Protein backbone atom coordinates (compact mmCIF):
# COMPACT_ATOMS: atom_id res chain seq x y z
CA MET A 1 109.82 113.61 91.22
CA VAL A 2 107.42 115.13 93.76
CA VAL A 3 107.96 118.58 92.24
CA ILE A 4 107.13 117.29 88.77
CA ALA A 5 103.96 115.65 90.08
CA ALA A 6 102.99 118.84 91.92
CA PHE A 7 103.47 120.93 88.77
CA ALA A 8 101.43 118.42 86.76
CA LEU A 9 98.58 118.71 89.25
CA GLY A 10 98.69 122.49 89.10
CA ALA A 11 100.11 123.11 92.59
CA TRP A 12 102.84 125.43 91.39
CA ARG A 13 102.96 127.84 94.30
CA TRP A 14 106.51 127.96 95.60
CA ARG A 15 105.58 128.14 99.27
CA SER A 16 103.55 124.94 99.09
CA LEU A 17 106.34 123.16 97.19
CA ILE A 18 108.95 124.27 99.72
CA ALA A 19 106.76 123.11 102.60
CA LEU A 20 106.16 119.77 100.90
CA GLY A 21 109.90 119.34 100.31
CA ALA A 22 110.65 120.15 103.94
CA VAL A 23 108.16 117.53 105.11
CA PHE A 24 109.67 114.85 102.85
CA LEU A 25 113.19 115.81 103.96
CA ALA A 26 112.19 115.49 107.63
CA ILE A 27 110.65 112.07 106.98
CA ALA A 28 113.82 110.90 105.20
CA VAL A 29 116.06 112.10 108.04
CA ILE A 30 113.92 110.38 110.68
CA ALA A 31 113.80 107.12 108.70
CA GLY A 32 117.56 107.16 108.10
CA THR A 33 118.29 107.81 111.76
CA ALA A 34 115.98 104.97 112.81
CA LEU A 35 117.66 102.60 110.34
CA GLU A 36 121.13 103.39 111.66
CA GLY A 37 119.99 102.68 115.21
CA LEU A 38 118.89 99.09 114.52
CA ALA A 39 120.70 96.69 116.84
CA CYS A 40 122.66 93.66 115.70
CA PRO A 41 121.08 90.44 117.01
CA ARG A 42 124.49 89.04 118.02
CA CYS A 43 126.37 91.94 119.69
CA ARG A 44 123.41 94.30 120.37
CA LYS A 45 125.39 97.29 119.04
CA PRO A 46 124.13 99.41 116.11
CA PHE A 47 124.34 97.29 112.93
CA PHE A 48 125.05 100.12 110.47
CA ARG A 49 127.06 102.49 112.71
CA SER A 50 130.38 102.32 114.53
CA GLY A 51 131.41 105.51 116.29
CA LEU A 52 131.55 108.28 113.70
CA LEU A 53 131.48 105.80 110.80
CA HIS A 54 128.18 104.70 109.32
CA ASN A 55 127.26 102.70 106.24
CA SER A 56 123.55 102.24 105.57
CA LEU A 57 124.31 99.83 102.73
CA SER A 58 126.58 97.54 104.75
CA SER A 59 125.90 93.83 104.39
CA ASP A 60 127.75 92.98 107.62
CA CYS A 61 127.53 94.31 111.18
CA MET A 62 130.04 97.11 111.69
CA HIS A 63 131.11 95.56 115.03
CA CYS A 64 131.00 91.75 114.94
CA GLY A 65 130.72 91.06 111.18
CA LEU A 66 127.40 89.17 111.35
CA PRO A 67 125.98 89.06 107.79
CA LYS A 68 122.71 90.84 107.10
CA TRP A 69 119.58 88.67 107.32
CA ARG A 70 121.23 86.31 109.85
CA LEU A 71 120.16 85.57 113.41
CA ALA A 72 122.54 85.61 116.39
CA ASP A 73 123.32 81.90 115.91
CA GLY A 74 124.20 82.46 112.22
CA SER A 75 121.09 80.85 110.73
CA LEU A 76 119.09 82.59 108.01
CA SER A 77 116.20 84.67 109.34
CA PRO A 78 112.64 83.42 108.68
CA ALA A 79 111.76 86.70 106.94
CA LYS A 80 114.56 86.24 104.40
CA ARG A 81 113.70 82.55 103.95
CA ASN A 82 110.09 83.45 103.12
CA LEU A 83 111.21 86.22 100.75
CA ASP A 84 113.57 83.89 98.87
CA ARG A 85 110.88 81.21 98.61
CA ASP A 86 108.38 83.66 97.06
CA LEU A 87 110.76 84.78 94.32
CA PRO A 88 110.36 83.04 90.93
């Protein structure tokens, strides 16, 4: 998508496209690593990672099974409550 936009804007030099791709790849790796390091509110272990196994799309904690969008006591988080209320 970025390459198509760059070509449309006339930035078709390969070196600039490769550099742009490397920057976006680095940002994606850093964001993914930060996401996998988020702690579960109940067990304080990484929510999306257990040893060598990781699942960024998991809806439950990989250690204690706490569902996503829940607090340590099992109640729905205020952020999710507000999001659900705003939906039509």
